[in-house]
N, C-alpha and C. Protein backbone atom coordinates (compact mmCIF):
# COMPACT_ATOMS: atom_id res chain seq x y z
N MET A 1 25.29 -15.28 -13.11
CA MET A 1 26.01 -14.53 -14.10
C MET A 1 25.11 -13.43 -14.65
N PRO A 2 25.65 -12.35 -15.15
CA PRO A 2 24.81 -11.30 -15.75
C PRO A 2 24.04 -11.86 -16.95
N VAL A 3 22.84 -11.38 -17.13
CA VAL A 3 21.96 -11.95 -18.16
C VAL A 3 22.14 -11.21 -19.49
N SER A 4 22.01 -11.95 -20.58
CA SER A 4 21.93 -11.39 -21.93
C SER A 4 21.08 -12.35 -22.75
N LYS A 5 20.62 -11.89 -23.91
CA LYS A 5 19.77 -12.74 -24.74
C LYS A 5 20.51 -13.99 -25.23
N LEU A 6 21.79 -13.83 -25.55
CA LEU A 6 22.59 -14.96 -26.01
C LEU A 6 22.74 -16.01 -24.91
N LYS A 7 23.01 -15.58 -23.68
CA LYS A 7 23.17 -16.52 -22.57
C LYS A 7 21.86 -17.24 -22.26
N VAL A 8 20.75 -16.55 -22.38
CA VAL A 8 19.44 -17.18 -22.13
C VAL A 8 19.16 -18.23 -23.20
N GLU A 9 19.49 -17.94 -24.46
CA GLU A 9 19.27 -18.91 -25.53
C GLU A 9 20.17 -20.13 -25.38
N ILE A 10 21.43 -19.93 -24.96
CA ILE A 10 22.32 -21.05 -24.71
C ILE A 10 21.79 -21.89 -23.56
N ALA A 11 21.29 -21.25 -22.52
CA ALA A 11 20.70 -21.98 -21.39
C ALA A 11 19.47 -22.77 -21.83
N ARG A 12 18.67 -22.20 -22.72
CA ARG A 12 17.49 -22.90 -23.23
C ARG A 12 17.90 -24.15 -24.01
N LEU A 13 18.93 -24.02 -24.87
CA LEU A 13 19.40 -25.18 -25.62
C LEU A 13 19.95 -26.26 -24.69
N LEU A 14 20.68 -25.85 -23.66
CA LEU A 14 21.22 -26.83 -22.72
C LEU A 14 20.10 -27.53 -21.95
N ARG A 15 19.05 -26.79 -21.60
CA ARG A 15 17.92 -27.41 -20.89
C ARG A 15 17.15 -28.36 -21.81
N ASP A 16 16.92 -27.94 -23.05
CA ASP A 16 16.16 -28.78 -23.98
C ASP A 16 16.90 -30.07 -24.33
N ASN A 17 18.23 -30.05 -24.24
CA ASN A 17 19.01 -31.24 -24.56
C ASN A 17 19.48 -31.97 -23.30
N HIS A 18 18.88 -31.65 -22.16
CA HIS A 18 19.08 -32.36 -20.89
C HIS A 18 20.50 -32.27 -20.34
N TYR A 19 21.19 -31.16 -20.58
CA TYR A 19 22.48 -30.93 -19.96
C TYR A 19 22.34 -30.12 -18.67
N VAL A 20 21.29 -29.30 -18.60
CA VAL A 20 21.01 -28.46 -17.43
C VAL A 20 19.59 -28.76 -16.99
N GLN A 21 19.37 -28.80 -15.68
CA GLN A 21 18.04 -29.12 -15.18
C GLN A 21 17.06 -27.99 -15.48
N ASP A 22 17.45 -26.75 -15.18
CA ASP A 22 16.58 -25.60 -15.43
C ASP A 22 17.41 -24.33 -15.34
N TYR A 23 16.80 -23.23 -15.75
CA TYR A 23 17.43 -21.92 -15.60
C TYR A 23 16.35 -20.90 -15.27
N LYS A 24 16.76 -19.83 -14.61
CA LYS A 24 15.84 -18.74 -14.26
C LYS A 24 16.53 -17.42 -14.48
N VAL A 25 15.75 -16.44 -14.91
CA VAL A 25 16.24 -15.07 -15.04
C VAL A 25 15.68 -14.30 -13.85
N LEU A 26 16.57 -13.86 -12.96
CA LEU A 26 16.18 -13.16 -11.75
C LEU A 26 16.42 -11.67 -11.90
N ASP A 27 15.58 -10.87 -11.27
CA ASP A 27 15.72 -9.41 -11.31
C ASP A 27 16.47 -8.96 -10.06
N ASP A 28 17.61 -8.31 -10.27
CA ASP A 28 18.40 -7.82 -9.14
C ASP A 28 18.30 -6.30 -9.01
N GLY A 29 17.40 -5.67 -9.76
CA GLY A 29 17.23 -4.23 -9.67
C GLY A 29 18.06 -3.47 -10.68
N ARG A 30 19.05 -4.13 -11.31
CA ARG A 30 19.87 -3.45 -12.31
C ARG A 30 19.70 -4.13 -13.67
N PHE A 31 20.50 -5.14 -13.96
CA PHE A 31 20.49 -5.75 -15.28
C PHE A 31 19.85 -7.13 -15.30
N GLY A 32 19.82 -7.79 -14.19
CA GLY A 32 19.28 -9.13 -14.11
C GLY A 32 20.39 -10.15 -13.95
N VAL A 33 20.00 -11.32 -13.45
CA VAL A 33 20.95 -12.39 -13.18
C VAL A 33 20.39 -13.67 -13.77
N LEU A 34 21.24 -14.46 -14.43
CA LEU A 34 20.86 -15.75 -14.96
C LEU A 34 21.37 -16.83 -14.01
N ARG A 35 20.47 -17.66 -13.53
CA ARG A 35 20.86 -18.73 -12.61
C ARG A 35 20.60 -20.07 -13.29
N LEU A 36 21.64 -20.92 -13.35
CA LEU A 36 21.55 -22.24 -13.94
C LEU A 36 21.50 -23.29 -12.83
N TYR A 37 20.64 -24.27 -12.99
CA TYR A 37 20.57 -25.39 -12.08
C TYR A 37 21.12 -26.60 -12.81
N LEU A 38 22.29 -27.06 -12.39
CA LEU A 38 22.99 -28.13 -13.09
C LEU A 38 22.31 -29.47 -12.86
N ARG A 39 22.50 -30.36 -13.82
CA ARG A 39 21.95 -31.71 -13.75
C ARG A 39 23.09 -32.66 -13.38
N TYR A 40 22.79 -33.60 -12.49
CA TYR A 40 23.78 -34.57 -12.04
C TYR A 40 23.28 -35.98 -12.33
N HIS A 41 24.21 -36.87 -12.62
CA HIS A 41 23.92 -38.29 -12.79
C HIS A 41 24.65 -39.01 -11.66
N GLY A 42 23.94 -39.29 -10.57
CA GLY A 42 24.59 -39.81 -9.37
C GLY A 42 25.36 -38.68 -8.70
N GLU A 43 26.65 -38.82 -8.60
CA GLU A 43 27.51 -37.80 -7.98
C GLU A 43 28.20 -36.92 -9.02
N THR A 44 28.23 -37.36 -10.29
CA THR A 44 28.98 -36.64 -11.31
C THR A 44 28.07 -35.71 -12.11
N PRO A 45 28.57 -34.55 -12.51
CA PRO A 45 27.76 -33.65 -13.33
C PRO A 45 27.60 -34.19 -14.74
N VAL A 46 26.49 -33.86 -15.38
CA VAL A 46 26.22 -34.32 -16.75
C VAL A 46 27.17 -33.64 -17.73
N ILE A 47 27.44 -32.36 -17.53
CA ILE A 47 28.38 -31.63 -18.40
C ILE A 47 29.79 -31.96 -17.96
N ARG A 48 30.49 -32.73 -18.77
CA ARG A 48 31.88 -33.07 -18.46
C ARG A 48 32.81 -31.92 -18.84
N GLU A 49 32.55 -31.33 -20.01
CA GLU A 49 33.38 -30.23 -20.48
C GLU A 49 32.58 -29.37 -21.44
N MET A 50 32.85 -28.07 -21.40
CA MET A 50 32.23 -27.12 -22.30
C MET A 50 33.35 -26.25 -22.84
N ARG A 51 33.53 -26.25 -24.15
CA ARG A 51 34.65 -25.57 -24.76
C ARG A 51 34.16 -24.50 -25.73
N ARG A 52 34.64 -23.29 -25.57
CA ARG A 52 34.30 -22.20 -26.48
C ARG A 52 35.19 -22.31 -27.72
N VAL A 53 34.58 -22.29 -28.89
CA VAL A 53 35.32 -22.45 -30.14
C VAL A 53 35.58 -21.11 -30.79
N SER A 54 34.55 -20.34 -31.01
CA SER A 54 34.66 -19.04 -31.66
C SER A 54 34.91 -17.97 -30.59
N THR A 55 35.97 -17.21 -30.76
CA THR A 55 36.32 -16.16 -29.81
C THR A 55 36.19 -14.80 -30.50
N PRO A 56 36.16 -13.71 -29.75
CA PRO A 56 36.06 -12.40 -30.40
C PRO A 56 37.24 -12.10 -31.33
N GLY A 57 38.41 -12.66 -31.02
CA GLY A 57 39.58 -12.41 -31.87
C GLY A 57 39.65 -13.32 -33.07
N LEU A 58 39.01 -14.48 -33.01
CA LEU A 58 39.05 -15.44 -34.11
C LEU A 58 37.71 -16.15 -34.20
N ARG A 59 36.86 -15.64 -35.07
CA ARG A 59 35.54 -16.26 -35.28
C ARG A 59 35.71 -17.50 -36.15
N ARG A 60 34.92 -18.53 -35.88
CA ARG A 60 34.99 -19.74 -36.67
C ARG A 60 33.62 -20.02 -37.27
N TYR A 61 33.56 -19.91 -38.59
CA TYR A 61 32.32 -20.15 -39.32
C TYR A 61 32.43 -21.49 -40.02
N VAL A 62 31.34 -22.24 -40.03
CA VAL A 62 31.33 -23.56 -40.66
C VAL A 62 30.15 -23.65 -41.61
N LYS A 63 30.36 -24.43 -42.68
CA LYS A 63 29.28 -24.75 -43.60
C LYS A 63 28.57 -25.99 -43.07
N VAL A 64 27.49 -26.37 -43.72
CA VAL A 64 26.68 -27.49 -43.24
C VAL A 64 27.51 -28.76 -43.21
N ARG A 65 28.30 -29.01 -44.22
CA ARG A 65 29.10 -30.24 -44.28
C ARG A 65 30.29 -30.21 -43.33
N GLU A 66 30.64 -29.04 -42.80
CA GLU A 66 31.79 -28.91 -41.90
C GLU A 66 31.41 -28.89 -40.43
N ILE A 67 30.12 -29.02 -40.11
CA ILE A 67 29.68 -29.00 -38.71
C ILE A 67 30.24 -30.25 -38.02
N PRO A 68 30.99 -30.07 -36.94
CA PRO A 68 31.62 -31.24 -36.31
C PRO A 68 30.62 -32.08 -35.53
N ARG A 69 30.91 -33.38 -35.46
CA ARG A 69 30.17 -34.30 -34.60
C ARG A 69 30.95 -34.38 -33.30
N VAL A 70 30.38 -33.94 -32.23
CA VAL A 70 31.05 -33.88 -30.94
C VAL A 70 30.95 -35.24 -30.26
N ARG A 71 32.09 -35.83 -29.94
CA ARG A 71 32.17 -37.14 -29.28
C ARG A 71 31.30 -38.18 -29.99
N ASN A 72 31.37 -38.17 -31.33
CA ASN A 72 30.65 -39.12 -32.18
C ASN A 72 29.14 -39.10 -31.92
N GLY A 73 28.59 -37.92 -31.69
CA GLY A 73 27.16 -37.75 -31.49
C GLY A 73 26.71 -37.74 -30.04
N LEU A 74 27.61 -38.02 -29.10
CA LEU A 74 27.23 -38.00 -27.69
C LEU A 74 27.24 -36.58 -27.13
N GLY A 75 27.97 -35.68 -27.75
CA GLY A 75 28.02 -34.28 -27.32
C GLY A 75 27.16 -33.41 -28.21
N MET A 76 27.31 -32.12 -28.05
CA MET A 76 26.49 -31.18 -28.81
C MET A 76 27.32 -29.96 -29.15
N ALA A 77 27.15 -29.46 -30.37
CA ALA A 77 27.76 -28.20 -30.79
C ALA A 77 26.66 -27.14 -30.85
N ILE A 78 26.99 -25.92 -30.47
CA ILE A 78 26.04 -24.81 -30.50
C ILE A 78 26.47 -23.86 -31.60
N LEU A 79 25.55 -23.58 -32.54
CA LEU A 79 25.83 -22.72 -33.67
C LEU A 79 24.91 -21.52 -33.67
N SER A 80 25.43 -20.40 -34.11
CA SER A 80 24.63 -19.20 -34.32
C SER A 80 24.35 -19.11 -35.82
N THR A 81 23.10 -19.33 -36.20
CA THR A 81 22.70 -19.33 -37.60
C THR A 81 21.83 -18.12 -37.89
N PRO A 82 21.52 -17.87 -39.16
CA PRO A 82 20.59 -16.77 -39.46
C PRO A 82 19.21 -16.94 -38.84
N ARG A 83 18.83 -18.16 -38.47
CA ARG A 83 17.54 -18.41 -37.83
C ARG A 83 17.64 -18.44 -36.31
N GLY A 84 18.79 -18.10 -35.76
CA GLY A 84 18.98 -18.09 -34.31
C GLY A 84 19.92 -19.20 -33.89
N LEU A 85 20.04 -19.39 -32.59
CA LEU A 85 20.93 -20.43 -32.07
C LEU A 85 20.31 -21.81 -32.29
N MET A 86 21.17 -22.75 -32.71
CA MET A 86 20.72 -24.12 -32.96
C MET A 86 21.79 -25.09 -32.49
N THR A 87 21.36 -26.32 -32.25
CA THR A 87 22.32 -27.38 -32.01
C THR A 87 22.84 -27.88 -33.35
N ASP A 88 23.88 -28.70 -33.30
CA ASP A 88 24.44 -29.22 -34.55
C ASP A 88 23.45 -30.09 -35.30
N ARG A 89 22.64 -30.86 -34.59
CA ARG A 89 21.65 -31.72 -35.24
C ARG A 89 20.57 -30.89 -35.95
N ASP A 90 20.09 -29.86 -35.27
CA ASP A 90 19.06 -29.00 -35.86
C ASP A 90 19.60 -28.25 -37.08
N ALA A 91 20.84 -27.80 -37.01
CA ALA A 91 21.44 -27.07 -38.13
C ALA A 91 21.63 -27.99 -39.34
N ARG A 92 21.99 -29.26 -39.10
CA ARG A 92 22.14 -30.19 -40.22
C ARG A 92 20.80 -30.47 -40.89
N THR A 93 19.74 -30.64 -40.10
CA THR A 93 18.43 -30.92 -40.70
C THR A 93 17.88 -29.69 -41.42
N ALA A 94 18.22 -28.48 -40.94
CA ALA A 94 17.77 -27.25 -41.60
C ALA A 94 18.69 -26.84 -42.74
N HIS A 95 19.80 -27.58 -42.95
CA HIS A 95 20.79 -27.27 -43.98
C HIS A 95 21.31 -25.85 -43.85
N MET A 96 21.75 -25.50 -42.62
CA MET A 96 22.25 -24.17 -42.35
C MET A 96 23.59 -24.25 -41.65
N GLY A 97 24.50 -23.43 -42.08
CA GLY A 97 25.77 -23.27 -41.39
C GLY A 97 25.74 -22.00 -40.58
N GLY A 98 26.84 -21.68 -39.94
CA GLY A 98 26.89 -20.46 -39.14
C GLY A 98 28.14 -20.42 -38.30
N GLU A 99 28.11 -19.59 -37.28
CA GLU A 99 29.26 -19.46 -36.39
C GLU A 99 29.21 -20.54 -35.33
N LEU A 100 30.31 -21.28 -35.20
CA LEU A 100 30.41 -22.35 -34.21
C LEU A 100 30.82 -21.72 -32.88
N LEU A 101 29.87 -21.63 -31.95
CA LEU A 101 30.12 -20.95 -30.68
C LEU A 101 30.80 -21.85 -29.66
N ALA A 102 30.25 -23.03 -29.41
CA ALA A 102 30.77 -23.87 -28.34
C ALA A 102 30.46 -25.33 -28.62
N MET A 103 31.20 -26.20 -27.89
CA MET A 103 30.95 -27.63 -27.91
C MET A 103 30.78 -28.11 -26.48
N VAL A 104 29.80 -28.96 -26.25
CA VAL A 104 29.47 -29.46 -24.92
C VAL A 104 29.47 -30.98 -24.96
N TRP A 105 30.07 -31.60 -23.97
CA TRP A 105 29.95 -33.05 -23.78
C TRP A 105 30.08 -33.42 -22.34
């Protein structure tokens, strides 16, 4: 996929939380390409579903107390906060709300 800073940060969060095995930013001579290496558990992929919550037409902002628990803590929510992209757990410990970008489980 074409590379951007937001996509690289999302890939970093997915790698740090063991949803993706690794990622690389490749140079194709123009803009660059982001390559994700998916993680599998046996034959099934670790990421069962990834759902975008905030869209360009309808942004969804949440306060600290409104941050959802994805699959009762088994999943992860990705938030864009004033300190950068964070998972739902990190945002709760930092007491920061922000834009709810996506949910992964």
